Amino acid sequence: MSTSDKQIVTLCNRTSQKVSVVWMVPGETRLPCTADEQALFSVYPVQCDIKPRSSVEFTVSFRRSEE
């Protein structure tokens, strides 16, 4: 697999409390459901806390499968 496109995703916390984010990516932050399951993307950072009334940017890297 090779990394292809990257996108920035912004999550906004509009609440008055901290929000904890953990991306559930097979093989990275969780176990695969099947032996051959592979993630089509990766996310950085994989986890963080978003302060009240603020936002955080995540970089999502999509992977192409080699056929």
Protein backbone atom coordinates (compact mmCIF):
# COMPACT_ATOMS: atom_id res chain seq x y z
CA MET A 1 0.00 0.00 0.00
CA SER A 2 1.14 3.51 -0.65
CA THR A 3 -0.08 6.77 0.79
CA SER A 4 -1.88 8.92 -1.74
CA ASP A 5 -4.13 11.82 -0.84
CA LYS A 6 -4.19 13.74 2.43
CA GLN A 7 -7.09 15.80 3.72
CA ILE A 8 -7.50 18.01 6.75
CA VAL A 9 -10.58 17.35 8.87
CA THR A 10 -11.54 19.90 11.52
CA LEU A 11 -13.63 18.84 14.51
CA CYS A 12 -15.31 21.60 16.50
CA ASN A 13 -16.31 21.23 20.13
CA ARG A 14 -19.22 23.59 20.71
CA THR A 15 -19.95 22.27 24.17
CA SER A 16 -18.88 23.64 27.54
CA GLN A 17 -16.96 20.44 28.35
CA LYS A 18 -13.84 18.75 27.05
CA VAL A 19 -14.39 16.17 24.28
CA SER A 20 -12.02 13.22 23.89
CA VAL A 21 -11.46 11.87 20.38
CA VAL A 22 -9.95 8.50 19.48
CA TRP A 23 -10.01 7.34 15.86
CA MET A 24 -10.77 3.62 15.64
CA VAL A 25 -8.52 2.47 12.80
CA PRO A 26 -8.07 -1.30 12.20
CA GLY A 27 -4.55 -2.43 13.02
CA GLU A 28 -3.63 0.90 14.63
CA THR A 29 -6.05 1.80 17.45
CA ARG A 30 -8.19 -1.32 17.40
CA LEU A 31 -7.83 -4.97 16.44
CA PRO A 32 -9.01 -5.93 12.94
CA CYS A 33 -12.42 -7.64 12.81
CA THR A 34 -11.10 -10.18 10.30
CA ALA A 35 -7.58 -11.41 9.60
CA ASP A 36 -7.44 -9.66 6.21
CA GLU A 37 -9.03 -6.36 7.26
CA GLN A 38 -6.79 -3.41 6.45
CA ALA A 39 -7.37 0.28 7.02
CA LEU A 40 -7.94 2.42 3.94
CA PHE A 41 -6.76 5.48 5.84
CA SER A 42 -4.69 6.68 8.77
CA VAL A 43 -5.33 9.68 11.01
CA TYR A 44 -2.92 11.97 12.86
CA PRO A 45 -3.18 12.61 15.73
CA VAL A 46 -4.99 9.35 16.53
CA GLN A 47 -6.29 10.75 19.81
CA CYS A 48 -6.62 14.09 21.54
CA ASP A 49 -8.80 16.16 23.84
CA ILE A 50 -10.67 19.10 22.34
CA LYS A 51 -11.10 21.94 24.79
CA PRO A 52 -14.53 23.53 25.23
CA ARG A 53 -15.50 25.88 22.40
CA SER A 54 -12.40 25.09 20.34
CA SER A 55 -11.43 22.94 17.39
CA VAL A 56 -8.67 20.55 16.32
CA GLU A 57 -7.38 19.67 12.87
CA PHE A 58 -6.71 16.05 11.95
CA THR A 59 -4.77 14.88 8.92
CA VAL A 60 -6.40 11.93 7.17
CA SER A 61 -4.15 10.04 4.76
CA PHE A 62 -5.94 7.76 2.33
CA ARG A 63 -4.19 4.66 1.03
CA ARG A 64 -4.54 3.07 -2.37
CA SER A 65 -4.47 -0.68 -2.50
CA GLU A 66 -2.02 -2.16 -4.95
CA GLU A 67 -3.79 -4.41 -7.43
